[in-house]
PDB file of N, CA and C in Angstrom:
ATOM      1  N   MET A   1     131.214  26.763 126.916  1.00  0.00           N
ATOM      2  CA  MET A   1     130.463  26.755 125.671  1.00  0.00           C
ATOM      3  C   MET A   1     131.243  25.974 124.630  1.00  0.00           C
ATOM      4  N   ARG A   2     130.586  25.043 123.950  1.00  0.00           N
ATOM      5  CA  ARG A   2     131.231  24.233 122.922  1.00  0.00           C
ATOM      6  C   ARG A   2     131.403  25.018 121.641  1.00  0.00           C
ATOM      7  N   PRO A   3     132.561  24.852 120.965  1.00  0.00           N
ATOM      8  CA  PRO A   3     132.704  25.498 119.662  1.00  0.00           C
ATOM      9  C   PRO A   3     131.778  24.833 118.650  1.00  0.00           C
ATOM     10  N   LEU A   4     131.354  25.603 117.674  1.00  0.00           N
ATOM     11  CA  LEU A   4     130.472  25.070 116.655  1.00  0.00           C
ATOM     12  C   LEU A   4     131.255  24.197 115.689  1.00  0.00           C
ATOM     13  N   ALA A   5     130.697  23.094 115.306  1.00  0.00           N
ATOM     14  CA  ALA A   5     131.299  22.218 114.309  1.00  0.00           C
ATOM     15  C   ALA A   5     130.407  22.226 113.083  1.00  0.00           C
ATOM     16  N   SER A   6     130.915  21.697 111.977  1.00  0.00           N
ATOM     17  CA  SER A   6     130.158  21.769 110.734  1.00  0.00           C
ATOM     18  C   SER A   6     128.846  21.011 110.812  1.00  0.00           C
ATOM     19  N   GLY A   7     128.706  20.086 111.734  1.00  0.00           N
ATOM     20  CA  GLY A   7     127.491  19.314 111.815  1.00  0.00           C
ATOM     21  C   GLY A   7     126.396  19.962 112.645  1.00  0.00           C
ATOM     22  N   ASN A   8     126.702  21.002 113.392  1.00  0.00           N
ATOM     23  CA  ASN A   8     125.655  21.546 114.257  1.00  0.00           C
ATOM     24  C   ASN A   8     125.393  23.034 114.037  1.00  0.00           C
ATOM     25  N   GLY A   9     125.302  23.433 112.786  1.00  0.00           N
ATOM     26  CA  GLY A   9     124.776  24.756 112.509  1.00  0.00           C
ATOM     27  C   GLY A   9     125.731  25.809 112.010  1.00  0.00           C
ATOM     28  N   VAL A  10     127.015  25.545 111.952  1.00  0.00           N
ATOM     29  CA  VAL A  10     127.950  26.595 111.556  1.00  0.00           C
ATOM     30  C   VAL A  10     127.742  27.022 110.097  1.00  0.00           C
ATOM     31  N   GLN A  11     127.150  26.150 109.286  1.00  0.00           N
ATOM     32  CA  GLN A  11     126.947  26.503 107.891  1.00  0.00           C
ATOM     33  C   GLN A  11     125.643  27.257 107.665  1.00  0.00           C
ATOM     34  N   GLU A  12     124.983  27.610 108.721  1.00  0.00           N
ATOM     35  CA  GLU A  12     123.754  28.387 108.627  1.00  0.00           C
ATOM     36  C   GLU A  12     124.104  29.876 108.618  1.00  0.00           C
ATOM     37  N   PRO A  13     123.831  30.557 107.527  1.00  0.00           N
ATOM     38  CA  PRO A  13     124.144  31.986 107.493  1.00  0.00           C
ATOM     39  C   PRO A  13     123.326  32.777 108.510  1.00  0.00           C
ATOM     40  N   ARG A  14     122.164  32.245 108.888  1.00  0.00           N
ATOM     41  CA  ARG A  14     121.318  32.968 109.856  1.00  0.00           C
ATOM     42  C   ARG A  14     122.022  33.171 111.183  1.00  0.00           C
ATOM     43  N   LEU A  15     122.875  32.218 111.577  1.00  0.00           N
ATOM     44  CA  LEU A  15     123.627  32.343 112.826  1.00  0.00           C
ATOM     45  C   LEU A  15     124.495  33.597 112.810  1.00  0.00           C
ATOM     46  N   TRP A  16     125.239  33.758 111.750  1.00  0.00           N
ATOM     47  CA  TRP A  16     126.154  34.903 111.645  1.00  0.00           C
ATOM     48  C   TRP A  16     125.377  36.196 111.412  1.00  0.00           C
ATOM     49  N   GLU A  17     124.309  36.119 110.622  1.00  0.00           N
ATOM     50  CA  GLU A  17     123.515  37.312 110.359  1.00  0.00           C
ATOM     51  C   GLU A  17     122.767  37.776 111.611  1.00  0.00           C
ATOM     52  N   GLU A  18     122.364  36.849 112.450  1.00  0.00           N
ATOM     53  CA  GLU A  18     121.693  37.220 113.702  1.00  0.00           C
ATOM     54  C   GLU A  18     122.675  37.923 114.644  1.00  0.00           C
ATOM     55  N   ALA A  19     123.897  37.422 114.698  1.00  0.00           N
ATOM     56  CA  ALA A  19     124.911  38.098 115.524  1.00  0.00           C
ATOM     57  C   ALA A  19     125.131  39.515 115.013  1.00  0.00           C
ATOM     58  N   ALA A  20     125.198  39.675 113.700  1.00  0.00           N
ATOM     59  CA  ALA A  20     125.370  41.005 113.124  1.00  0.00           C
ATOM     60  C   ALA A  20     124.166  41.893 113.417  1.00  0.00           C
ATOM     61  N   ARG A  21     122.960  41.322 113.313  1.00  0.00           N
ATOM     62  CA  ARG A  21     121.749  42.100 113.585  1.00  0.00           C
ATOM     63  C   ARG A  21     121.740  42.623 115.018  1.00  0.00           C
ATOM     64  N   LEU A  22     122.176  41.788 115.953  1.00  0.00           N
ATOM     65  CA  LEU A  22     122.223  42.222 117.352  1.00  0.00           C
ATOM     66  C   LEU A  22     123.214  43.365 117.546  1.00  0.00           C
ATOM     67  N   HIS A  23     124.360  43.279 116.880  1.00  0.00           N
ATOM     68  CA  HIS A  23     125.337  44.374 116.972  1.00  0.00           C
ATOM     69  C   HIS A  23     124.779  45.650 116.349  1.00  0.00           C
ATOM     70  N   LEU A  24     124.095  45.504 115.217  1.00  0.00           N
ATOM     71  CA  LEU A  24     123.519  46.682 114.565  1.00  0.00           C
ATOM     72  C   LEU A  24     122.422  47.302 115.423  1.00  0.00           C
ATOM     73  N   ALA A  25     121.649  46.476 116.121  1.00  0.00           N
ATOM     74  CA  ALA A  25     120.604  46.999 117.010  1.00  0.00           C
ATOM     75  C   ALA A  25     121.207  47.816 118.141  1.00  0.00           C
ATOM     76  N   ARG A  26     122.435  47.526 118.490  1.00  0.00           N
ATOM     77  CA  ARG A  26     123.135  48.270 119.540  1.00  0.00           C
ATOM     78  C   ARG A  26     124.013  49.382 118.950  1.00  0.00           C
ATOM     79  N   ALA A  27     123.793  49.681 117.671  1.00  0.00           N
ATOM     80  CA  ALA A  27     124.527  50.743 116.966  1.00  0.00           C
ATOM     81  C   ALA A  27     126.031  50.476 116.956  1.00  0.00           C
ATOM     82  N   ARG A  28     126.410  49.220 116.681  1.00  0.00           N
ATOM     83  CA  ARG A  28     127.827  48.852 116.596  1.00  0.00           C
ATOM     84  C   ARG A  28     128.097  48.176 115.263  1.00  0.00           C
ATOM     85  N   PRO A  29     128.113  48.962 114.175  1.00  0.00           N
ATOM     86  CA  PRO A  29     128.298  48.360 112.851  1.00  0.00           C
ATOM     87  C   PRO A  29     129.666  47.696 112.677  1.00  0.00           C
ATOM     88  N   ALA A  30     130.698  48.232 113.297  1.00  0.00           N
ATOM     89  CA  ALA A  30     132.025  47.616 113.170  1.00  0.00           C
ATOM     90  C   ALA A  30     132.030  46.215 113.774  1.00  0.00           C
ATOM     91  N   ASP A  31     131.332  46.047 114.898  1.00  0.00           N
ATOM     92  CA  ASP A  31     131.243  44.721 115.512  1.00  0.00           C
ATOM     93  C   ASP A  31     130.403  43.775 114.648  1.00  0.00           C
ATOM     94  N   ALA A  32     129.380  44.308 114.005  1.00  0.00           N
ATOM     95  CA  ALA A  32     128.558  43.492 113.110  1.00  0.00           C
ATOM     96  C   ALA A  32     129.389  42.977 111.947  1.00  0.00           C
ATOM     97  N   VAL A  33     130.176  43.866 111.360  1.00  0.00           N
ATOM     98  CA  VAL A  33     131.040  43.468 110.247  1.00  0.00           C
ATOM     99  C   VAL A  33     132.080  42.460 110.725  1.00  0.00           C
ATOM    100  N   ALA A  34     132.654  42.690 111.893  1.00  0.00           N
ATOM    101  CA  ALA A  34     133.651  41.754 112.434  1.00  0.00           C
ATOM    102  C   ALA A  34     133.052  40.366 112.641  1.00  0.00           C
ATOM    103  N   ALA A  35     131.816  40.303 113.130  1.00  0.00           N
ATOM    104  CA  ALA A  35     131.160  39.002 113.326  1.00  0.00           C
ATOM    105  C   ALA A  35     130.930  38.310 111.990  1.00  0.00           C
ATOM    106  N   LEU A  36     130.482  39.056 110.992  1.00  0.00           N
ATOM    107  CA  LEU A  36     130.242  38.470 109.676  1.00  0.00           C
ATOM    108  C   LEU A  36     131.544  38.024 109.015  1.00  0.00           C
ATOM    109  N   VAL A  37     132.602  38.801 109.174  1.00  0.00           N
ATOM    110  CA  VAL A  37     133.900  38.411 108.608  1.00  0.00           C
ATOM    111  C   VAL A  37     134.416  37.148 109.298  1.00  0.00           C
ATOM    112  N   ALA A  38     134.253  37.076 110.603  1.00  0.00           N
ATOM    113  CA  ALA A  38     134.675  35.863 111.323  1.00  0.00           C
ATOM    114  C   ALA A  38     133.895  34.652 110.833  1.00  0.00           C
ATOM    115  N   GLY A  39     132.594  34.829 110.628  1.00  0.00           N
ATOM    116  CA  GLY A  39     131.783  33.739 110.095  1.00  0.00           C
ATOM    117  C   GLY A  39     132.188  33.370 108.684  1.00  0.00           C
ATOM    118  N   GLY A  40     132.427  34.376 107.861  1.00  0.00           N
ATOM    119  CA  GLY A  40     132.855  34.125 106.485  1.00  0.00           C
ATOM    120  C   GLY A  40     134.187  33.404 106.419  1.00  0.00           C
ATOM    121  N   ARG A  41     135.105  33.788 107.292  1.00  0.00           N
ATOM    122  CA  ARG A  41     136.415  33.129 107.330  1.00  0.00           C
ATOM    123  C   ARG A  41     136.256  31.659 107.731  1.00  0.00           C
ATOM    124  N   ARG A  42     135.443  31.424 108.741  1.00  0.00           N
ATOM    125  CA  ARG A  42     135.216  30.042 109.193  1.00  0.00           C
ATOM    126  C   ARG A  42     134.577  29.207 108.087  1.00  0.00           C
ATOM    127  N   LEU A  43     133.592  29.763 107.425  1.00  0.00           N
ATOM    128  CA  LEU A  43     132.926  29.049 106.340  1.00  0.00           C
ATOM    129  C   LEU A  43     133.873  28.801 105.174  1.00  0.00           C
ATOM    130  N   PHE A  44     134.755  29.756 104.893  1.00  0.00           N
ATOM    131  CA  PHE A  44     135.756  29.586 103.833  1.00  0.00           C
ATOM    132  C   PHE A  44     136.666  28.408 104.158  1.00  0.00           C
ATOM    133  N   HIS A  45     137.113  28.330 105.395  1.00  0.00           N
ATOM    134  CA  HIS A  45     137.995  27.237 105.792  1.00  0.00           C
ATOM    135  C   HIS A  45     137.267  25.895 105.818  1.00  0.00           C
ATOM    136  N   LEU A  46     135.956  25.917 106.034  1.00  0.00           N
ATOM    137  CA  LEU A  46     135.160  24.688 105.980  1.00  0.00           C
ATOM    138  C   LEU A  46     134.724  24.368 104.552  1.00  0.00           C
ATOM    139  N   ARG A  47     135.086  25.223 103.622  1.00  0.00           N
ATOM    140  CA  ARG A  47     134.744  25.086 102.195  1.00  0.00           C
ATOM    141  C   ARG A  47     133.246  25.170 101.929  1.00  0.00           C
ATOM    142  N   ALA A  48     132.556  25.882 102.777  1.00  0.00           N
ATOM    143  CA  ALA A  48     131.137  26.178 102.562  1.00  0.00           C
ATOM    144  C   ALA A  48     131.081  27.508 101.818  1.00  0.00           C
ATOM    145  N   LEU A  49     131.459  27.468 100.550  1.00  0.00           N
ATOM    146  CA  LEU A  49     131.706  28.704  99.805  1.00  0.00           C
ATOM    147  C   LEU A  49     130.438  29.509  99.521  1.00  0.00           C
ATOM    148  N   ALA A  50     129.358  28.860  99.154  1.00  0.00           N
ATOM    149  CA  ALA A  50     128.130  29.600  98.842  1.00  0.00           C
ATOM    150  C   ALA A  50     127.608  30.330 100.081  1.00  0.00           C
ATOM    151  N   VAL A  51     127.618  29.651 101.200  1.00  0.00           N
ATOM    152  CA  VAL A  51     127.147  30.259 102.446  1.00  0.00           C
ATOM    153  C   VAL A  51     128.125  31.349 102.883  1.00  0.00           C
ATOM    154  N   GLY A  52     129.427  31.089 102.735  1.00  0.00           N
ATOM    155  CA  GLY A  52     130.438  32.076 103.087  1.00  0.00           C
ATOM    156  C   GLY A  52     130.285  33.345 102.271  1.00  0.00           C
ATOM    157  N   ALA A  53     130.014  33.195 100.977  1.00  0.00           N
ATOM    158  CA  ALA A  53     129.811  34.370 100.122  1.00  0.00           C
ATOM    159  C   ALA A  53     128.600  35.164 100.573  1.00  0.00           C
ATOM    160  N   GLN A  54     127.535  34.473 100.958  1.00  0.00           N
ATOM    161  CA  GLN A  54     126.319  35.145 101.424  1.00  0.00           C
ATOM    162  C   GLN A  54     126.600  35.968 102.682  1.00  0.00           C
ATOM    163  N   VAL A  55     127.317  35.389 103.617  1.00  0.00           N
ATOM    164  CA  VAL A  55     127.638  36.075 104.866  1.00  0.00           C
ATOM    165  C   VAL A  55     128.545  37.275 104.602  1.00  0.00           C
ATOM    166  N   LEU A  56     129.541  37.093 103.757  1.00  0.00           N
ATOM    167  CA  LEU A  56     130.481  38.182 103.463  1.00  0.00           C
ATOM    168  C   LEU A  56     129.827  39.301 102.658  1.00  0.00           C
ATOM    169  N   ARG A  57     128.893  38.957 101.800  1.00  0.00           N
ATOM    170  CA  ARG A  57     128.166  40.005 101.067  1.00  0.00           C
ATOM    171  C   ARG A  57     127.399  40.901 102.037  1.00  0.00           C
ATOM    172  N   ARG A  58     126.866  40.303 103.074  1.00  0.00           N
ATOM    173  CA  ARG A  58     126.152  41.098 104.090  1.00  0.00           C
ATOM    174  C   ARG A  58     127.115  42.050 104.791  1.00  0.00           C
ATOM    175  N   ALA A  59     128.330  41.581 105.064  1.00  0.00           N
ATOM    176  CA  ALA A  59     129.328  42.450 105.696  1.00  0.00           C
ATOM    177  C   ALA A  59     129.648  43.635 104.799  1.00  0.00           C
ATOM    178  N   VAL A  60     129.771  43.395 103.503  1.00  0.00           N
ATOM    179  CA  VAL A  60     130.092  44.462 102.557  1.00  0.00           C
ATOM    180  C   VAL A  60     128.894  45.390 102.367  1.00  0.00           C
ATOM    181  N   GLU A  61     127.680  44.888 102.560  1.00  0.00           N
ATOM    182  CA  GLU A  61     126.497  45.762 102.519  1.00  0.00           C
ATOM    183  C   GLU A  61     126.529  46.749 103.683  1.00  0.00           C
ATOM    184  N   ILE A  62     126.922  46.266 104.846  1.00  0.00           N
ATOM    185  CA  ILE A  62     126.945  47.120 106.037  1.00  0.00           C
ATOM    186  C   ILE A  62     128.045  48.167 105.919  1.00  0.00           C
ATOM    187  N   GLU A  63     129.222  47.737 105.507  1.00  0.00           N
ATOM    188  CA  GLU A  63     130.352  48.659 105.363  1.00  0.00           C
ATOM    189  C   GLU A  63     131.012  48.424 104.007  1.00  0.00           C
ATOM    190  N   PRO A  64     130.555  49.148 102.978  1.00  0.00           N
ATOM    191  CA  PRO A  64     131.108  48.946 101.634  1.00  0.00           C
ATOM    192  C   PRO A  64     132.618  49.155 101.598  1.00  0.00           C
ATOM    193  N   TRP A  65     133.270  48.283 100.886  1.00  0.00           N
ATOM    194  CA  TRP A  65     134.713  48.311 100.661  1.00  0.00           C
ATOM    195  C   TRP A  65     135.521  48.135 101.934  1.00  0.00           C
ATOM    196  N   GLN A  66     134.941  47.516 102.946  1.00  0.00           N
ATOM    197  CA  GLN A  66     135.723  47.185 104.136  1.00  0.00           C
ATOM    198  C   GLN A  66     136.793  46.204 103.667  1.00  0.00           C
ATOM    199  N   PRO A  67     138.074  46.527 103.846  1.00  0.00           N
ATOM    200  CA  PRO A  67     139.140  45.748 103.214  1.00  0.00           C
ATOM    201  C   PRO A  67     139.136  44.252 103.533  1.00  0.00           C
ATOM    202  N   GLU A  68     139.036  43.902 104.792  1.00  0.00           N
ATOM    203  CA  GLU A  68     139.103  42.480 105.146  1.00  0.00           C
ATOM    204  C   GLU A  68     137.927  41.702 104.557  1.00  0.00           C
ATOM    205  N   ALA A  69     136.725  42.264 104.648  1.00  0.00           N
ATOM    206  CA  ALA A  69     135.545  41.601 104.104  1.00  0.00           C
ATOM    207  C   ALA A  69     135.623  41.493 102.580  1.00  0.00           C
ATOM    208  N   THR A  70     136.086  42.553 101.925  1.00  0.00           N
ATOM    209  CA  THR A  70     136.168  42.565 100.469  1.00  0.00           C
ATOM    210  C   THR A  70     137.182  41.551  99.970  1.00  0.00           C
ATOM    211  N   VAL A  71     138.350  41.509 100.601  1.00  0.00           N
ATOM    212  CA  VAL A  71     139.387  40.555 100.190  1.00  0.00           C
ATOM    213  C   VAL A  71     138.913  39.125 100.414  1.00  0.00           C
ATOM    214  N   LEU A  72     138.324  38.865 101.552  1.00  0.00           N
ATOM    215  CA  LEU A  72     137.851  37.509 101.842  1.00  0.00           C
ATOM    216  C   LEU A  72     136.722  37.115 100.893  1.00  0.00           C
ATOM    217  N   LEU A  73     135.812  38.034 100.598  1.00  0.00           N
ATOM    218  CA  LEU A  73     134.747  37.749  99.641  1.00  0.00           C
ATOM    219  C   LEU A  73     135.335  37.441  98.266  1.00  0.00           C
ATOM    220  N   ALA A  74     136.333  38.203  97.863  1.00  0.00           N
ATOM    221  CA  ALA A  74     136.977  37.944  96.570  1.00  0.00           C
ATOM    222  C   ALA A  74     137.618  36.551  96.551  1.00  0.00           C
ATOM    223  N   ARG A  75     138.254  36.160  97.631  1.00  0.00           N
ATOM    224  CA  ARG A  75     138.856  34.827  97.703  1.00  0.00           C
ATOM    225  C   ARG A  75     137.799  33.732  97.615  1.00  0.00           C
ATOM    226  N   VAL A  76     136.679  33.933  98.318  1.00  0.00           N
ATOM    227  CA  VAL A  76     135.585  32.952  98.278  1.00  0.00           C
ATOM    228  C   VAL A  76     135.024  32.851  96.862  1.00  0.00           C
ATOM    229  N   LEU A  77     134.797  33.991  96.227  1.00  0.00           N
ATOM    230  CA  LEU A  77     134.255  33.987  94.871  1.00  0.00           C
ATOM    231  C   LEU A  77     135.218  33.319  93.896  1.00  0.00           C
ATOM    232  N   ALA A  78     136.500  33.606  94.019  1.00  0.00           N
ATOM    233  CA  ALA A  78     137.489  32.985  93.128  1.00  0.00           C
ATOM    234  C   ALA A  78     137.518  31.479  93.314  1.00  0.00           C
ATOM    235  N   LYS A  79     137.461  31.044  94.550  1.00  0.00           N
ATOM    236  CA  LYS A  79     137.460  29.610  94.851  1.00  0.00           C
ATOM    237  C   LYS A  79     136.202  28.940  94.309  1.00  0.00           C
ATOM    238  N   SER A  80     135.117  29.711  94.213  1.00  0.00           N
ATOM    239  CA  SER A  80     133.846  29.194  93.689  1.00  0.00           C
ATOM    240  C   SER A  80     133.797  29.223  92.170  1.00  0.00           C
ATOM    241  N   GLY A  81     134.865  29.696  91.533  1.00  0.00           N
ATOM    242  CA  GLY A  81     134.894  29.767  90.076  1.00  0.00           C
ATOM    243  C   GLY A  81     134.353  31.064  89.505  1.00  0.00           C
ATOM    244  N   ARG A  82     134.130  32.056  90.344  1.00  0.00           N
ATOM    245  CA  ARG A  82     133.600  33.349  89.895  1.00  0.00           C
ATOM    246  C   ARG A  82     134.726  34.380  89.893  1.00  0.00           C
ATOM    247  N   LYS A  83     135.739  34.107  89.087  1.00  0.00           N
ATOM    248  CA  LYS A  83     136.952  34.921  89.084  1.00  0.00           C
ATOM    249  C   LYS A  83     136.717  36.345  88.598  1.00  0.00           C
ATOM    250  N   VAL A  84     135.859  36.512  87.619  1.00  0.00           N
ATOM    251  CA  VAL A  84     135.604  37.863  87.090  1.00  0.00           C
ATOM    252  C   VAL A  84     135.037  38.762  88.181  1.00  0.00           C
ATOM    253  N   GLU A  85     134.079  38.249  88.932  1.00  0.00           N
ATOM    254  CA  GLU A  85     133.488  39.017  90.024  1.00  0.00           C
ATOM    255  C   GLU A  85     134.518  39.291  91.125  1.00  0.00           C
ATOM    256  N   ALA A  86     135.338  38.285  91.423  1.00  0.00           N
ATOM    257  CA  ALA A  86     136.382  38.449  92.439  1.00  0.00           C
ATOM    258  C   ALA A  86     137.380  39.520  92.019  1.00  0.00           C
ATOM    259  N   LEU A  87     137.799  39.490  90.771  1.00  0.00           N
ATOM    260  CA  LEU A  87     138.759  40.487  90.282  1.00  0.00           C
ATOM    261  C   LEU A  87     138.152  41.889  90.261  1.00  0.00           C
ATOM    262  N   ALA A  88     136.868  41.995  89.953  1.00  0.00           N
ATOM    263  CA  ALA A  88     136.204  43.307  89.975  1.00  0.00           C
ATOM    264  C   ALA A  88     136.202  43.878  91.391  1.00  0.00           C
ATOM    265  N   LEU A  89     135.953  43.030  92.384  1.00  0.00           N
ATOM    266  CA  LEU A  89     136.002  43.490  93.781  1.00  0.00           C
ATOM    267  C   LEU A  89     137.406  43.961  94.149  1.00  0.00           C
ATOM    268  N   LEU A  90     138.409  43.178  93.785  1.00  0.00           N
ATOM    269  CA  LEU A  90     139.786  43.538  94.131  1.00  0.00           C
ATOM    270  C   LEU A  90     140.234  44.804  93.410  1.00  0.00           C
ATOM    271  N   ASP A  91     139.823  44.966  92.155  1.00  0.00           N
ATOM    272  CA  ASP A  91     140.168  46.192  91.426  1.00  0.00           C
ATOM    273  C   ASP A  91     139.479  47.406  92.053  1.00  0.00           C
ATOM    274  N   GLY A  92     138.242  47.228  92.496  1.00  0.00           N
ATOM    275  CA  GLY A  92     137.535  48.318  93.172  1.00  0.00           C
ATOM    276  C   GLY A  92     138.203  48.692  94.483  1.00  0.00           C
ATOM    277  N   LEU A  93     138.622  47.687  95.226  1.00  0.00           N
ATOM    278  CA  LEU A  93     139.326  47.949  96.487  1.00  0.00           C
ATOM    279  C   LEU A  93     140.656  48.637  96.216  1.00  0.00           C
ATOM    280  N   ASP A  94     141.352  48.178  95.185  1.00  0.00           N
ATOM    281  CA  ASP A  94     142.644  48.756  94.802  1.00  0.00           C
ATOM    282  C   ASP A  94     142.517  50.258  94.537  1.00  0.00           C
ATOM    283  N   ALA A  95     141.417  50.661  93.937  1.00  0.00           N
ATOM    284  CA  ALA A  95     141.206  52.070  93.619  1.00  0.00           C
ATOM    285  C   ALA A  95     140.884  52.909  94.863  1.00  0.00           C
ATOM    286  N   ARG A  96     140.519  52.251  95.962  1.00  0.00           N
ATOM    287  CA  ARG A  96     140.073  52.977  97.154  1.00  0.00           C
ATOM    288  C   ARG A  96     141.065  52.979  98.303  1.00  0.00           C
ATOM    289  N   VAL A  97     142.088  52.166  98.235  1.00  0.00           N
ATOM    290  CA  VAL A  97     143.048  52.066  99.331  1.00  0.00           C
ATOM    291  C   VAL A  97     144.454  52.307  98.801  1.00  0.00           C
ATOM    292  N   ASP A  98     145.394  52.400  99.731  1.00  0.00           N
ATOM    293  CA  ASP A  98     146.786  52.507  99.309  1.00  0.00           C
ATOM    294  C   ASP A  98     147.664  51.742 100.292  1.00  0.00           C
ATOM    295  N   GLY A  99     148.953  51.787 100.072  1.00  0.00           N
ATOM    296  CA  GLY A  99     149.900  51.145 100.977  1.00  0.00           C
ATOM    297  C   GLY A  99     149.766  49.638 101.006  1.00  0.00           C
ATOM    298  N   LYS A 100     149.814  49.111 102.212  1.00  0.00           N
ATOM    299  CA  LYS A 100     149.798  47.661 102.414  1.00  0.00           C
ATOM    300  C   LYS A 100     148.517  47.021 101.872  1.00  0.00           C
ATOM    301  N   LEU A 101     147.388  47.696 102.046  1.00  0.00           N
ATOM    302  CA  LEU A 101     146.124  47.152 101.559  1.00  0.00           C
ATOM    303  C   LEU A 101     146.106  47.067 100.038  1.00  0.00           C
ATOM    304  N   ARG A 102     146.662  48.066  99.364  1.00  0.00           N
ATOM    305  CA  ARG A 102     146.733  48.029  97.900  1.00  0.00           C
ATOM    306  C   ARG A 102     147.634  46.883  97.442  1.00  0.00           C
ATOM    307  N   ARG A 103     148.777  46.730  98.093  1.00  0.00           N
ATOM    308  CA  ARG A 103     149.680  45.616  97.718  1.00  0.00           C
ATOM    309  C   ARG A 103     148.988  44.278  97.904  1.00  0.00           C
ATOM    310  N   ARG A 104     148.244  44.142  99.001  1.00  0.00           N
ATOM    311  CA  ARG A 104     147.540  42.884  99.271  1.00  0.00           C
ATOM    312  C   ARG A 104     146.470  42.608  98.211  1.00  0.00           C
ATOM    313  N   ALA A 105     145.682  43.625  97.878  1.00  0.00           N
ATOM    314  CA  ALA A 105     144.634  43.459  96.860  1.00  0.00           C
ATOM    315  C   ALA A 105     145.251  43.076  95.519  1.00  0.00           C
ATOM    316  N   ARG A 106     146.333  43.733  95.150  1.00  0.00           N
ATOM    317  CA  ARG A 106     146.976  43.427  93.865  1.00  0.00           C
ATOM    318  C   ARG A 106     147.621  42.045  93.869  1.00  0.00           C
ATOM    319  N   ARG A 107     148.182  41.639  95.001  1.00  0.00           N
ATOM    320  CA  ARG A 107     148.796  40.303  95.081  1.00  0.00           C
ATOM    321  C   ARG A 107     147.735  39.213  94.937  1.00  0.00           C
ATOM    322  N   ILE A 108     146.623  39.386  95.610  1.00  0.00           N
ATOM    323  CA  ILE A 108     145.559  38.376  95.522  1.00  0.00           C
ATOM    324  C   ILE A 108     144.962  38.357  94.121  1.00  0.00           C
ATOM    325  N   ALA A 109     144.799  39.518  93.505  1.00  0.00           N
ATOM    326  CA  ALA A 109     144.313  39.563  92.121  1.00  0.00           C
ATOM    327  C   ALA A 109     145.282  38.821  91.203  1.00  0.00           C
ATOM    328  N   TRP A 110     146.578  39.009  91.431  1.00  0.00           N
ATOM    329  CA  TRP A 110     147.578  38.307  90.623  1.00  0.00           C
ATOM    330  C   TRP A 110     147.505  36.804  90.857  1.00  0.00           C
ATOM    331  N   LEU A 111     147.297  36.374  92.101  1.00  0.00           N
ATOM    332  CA  LEU A 111     147.181  34.945  92.392  1.00  0.00           C
ATOM    333  C   LEU A 111     145.945  34.342  91.724  1.00  0.00           C
ATOM    334  N   ILE A 112     144.873  35.108  91.639  1.00  0.00           N
ATOM    335  CA  ILE A 112     143.647  34.624  91.003  1.00  0.00           C
ATOM    336  C   ILE A 112     143.822  34.546  89.494  1.00  0.00           C
ATOM    337  N   SER A 113     144.443  35.554  88.923  1.00  0.00           N
ATOM    338  CA  SER A 113     144.575  35.620  87.476  1.00  0.00           C
ATOM    339  C   SER A 113     145.923  36.229  87.104  1.00  0.00           C
ATOM    340  N   PRO A 114     146.984  35.411  87.124  1.00  0.00           N
ATOM    341  CA  PRO A 114     148.304  35.958  86.782  1.00  0.00           C
ATOM    342  C   PRO A 114     148.357  36.368  85.311  1.00  0.00           C
ATOM    343  N   SER A 115     148.750  37.595  85.096  1.00  0.00           N
ATOM    344  CA  SER A 115     148.903  38.119  83.740  1.00  0.00           C
ATOM    345  C   SER A 115     150.024  39.151  83.796  1.00  0.00           C
ATOM    346  N   PRO A 116     150.587  39.499  82.633  1.00  0.00           N
ATOM    347  CA  PRO A 116     151.632  40.530  82.652  1.00  0.00           C
ATOM    348  C   PRO A 116     151.155  41.851  83.251  1.00  0.00           C
ATOM    349  N   ARG A 117     149.918  42.245  82.939  1.00  0.00           N
ATOM    350  CA  ARG A 117     149.383  43.500  83.476  1.00  0.00           C
ATOM    351  C   ARG A 117     149.282  43.443  85.000  1.00  0.00           C
ATOM    352  N   ARG A 118     148.750  42.355  85.530  1.00  0.00           N
ATOM    353  CA  ARG A 118     148.610  42.224  86.981  1.00  0.00           C
ATOM    354  C   ARG A 118     149.975  42.112  87.660  1.00  0.00           C
ATOM    355  N   THR A 119     150.913  41.447  87.010  1.00  0.00           N
ATOM    356  CA  THR A 119     152.278  41.362  87.554  1.00  0.00           C
ATOM    357  C   THR A 119     152.880  42.761  87.653  1.00  0.00           C
ATOM    358  N   TRP A 120     152.735  43.531  86.611  1.00  0.00           N
ATOM    359  CA  TRP A 120     153.275  44.890  86.584  1.00  0.00           C
ATOM    360  C   TRP A 120     152.631  45.766  87.658  1.00  0.00           C
ATOM    361  N   ARG A 121     151.316  45.662  87.816  1.00  0.00           N
ATOM    362  CA  ARG A 121     150.616  46.460  88.828  1.00  0.00           C
ATOM    363  C   ARG A 121     151.062  46.074  90.233  1.00  0.00           C
ATOM    364  N   TRP A 122     151.175  44.778  90.469  1.00  0.00           N
ATOM    365  CA  TRP A 122     151.595  44.299  91.795  1.00  0.00           C
ATOM    366  C   TRP A 122     153.016  44.764  92.088  1.00  0.00           C
ATOM    367  N   LEU A 123     153.924  44.611  91.119  1.00  0.00           N
ATOM    368  CA  LEU A 123     155.310  45.055  91.323  1.00  0.00           C
ATOM    369  C   LEU A 123     155.369  46.563  91.536  1.00  0.00           C
ATOM    370  N   GLY A 124     154.538  47.295  90.805  1.00  0.00           N
ATOM    371  CA  GLY A 124     154.485  48.749  90.990  1.00  0.00           C
ATOM    372  C   GLY A 124     154.089  49.118  92.402  1.00  0.00           C
ATOM    373  N   ALA A 125     153.145  48.396  92.963  1.00  0.00           N
ATOM    374  CA  ALA A 125     152.707  48.674  94.352  1.00  0.00           C
ATOM    375  C   ALA A 125     153.791  48.286  95.333  1.00  0.00           C
ATOM    376  N   VAL A 126     154.487  47.183  95.070  1.00  0.00           N
ATOM    377  CA  VAL A 126     155.556  46.753  95.968  1.00  0.00           C
ATOM    378  C   VAL A 126     156.713  47.745  95.937  1.00  0.00           C
ATOM    379  N   LEU A 127     157.094  48.173  94.757  1.00  0.00           N
ATOM    380  CA  LEU A 127     158.223  49.089  94.623  1.00  0.00           C
ATOM    381  C   LEU A 127     157.889  50.511  95.096  1.00  0.00           C
ATOM    382  N   ALA A 128     156.614  50.841  95.137  1.00  0.00           N
ATOM    383  CA  ALA A 128     156.199  52.195  95.549  1.00  0.00           C
ATOM    384  C   ALA A 128     156.310  52.422  97.040  1.00  0.00           C
ATOM    385  N   ARG A 129     156.506  51.358  97.805  1.00  0.00           N
ATOM    386  CA  ARG A 129     156.579  51.575  99.254  1.00  0.00           C
ATOM    387  C   ARG A 129     157.865  52.142  99.626  1.00  0.00           C
TER     388      ARG A 129
END
């Protein structure tokens, strides 16, 4: 089977959403989210940000606050110039997780919008381990 290239359909969100739909029909929501995250990651690397955001939003609809999907969606949104929305997602994730995931969310929030407050929060999470 040939890998998909940007010229033959990889930027179609329906491809990734159909894979997720098939997993959901088989009662496998974790696999559906994994397929959507894989699609979102690929689209992010291809710089198809609008389509990537659409695919990742579907993943977050299926499993709200799933860490990998939420972080990747925040990165896509920030890259698209929607920093406020990206930071809101990361702050929401920060409130729901701890440990390594909290440090990661705070680090990415700091990379998106470095400020003294975000620096302090990130350092607090790093030092708390």
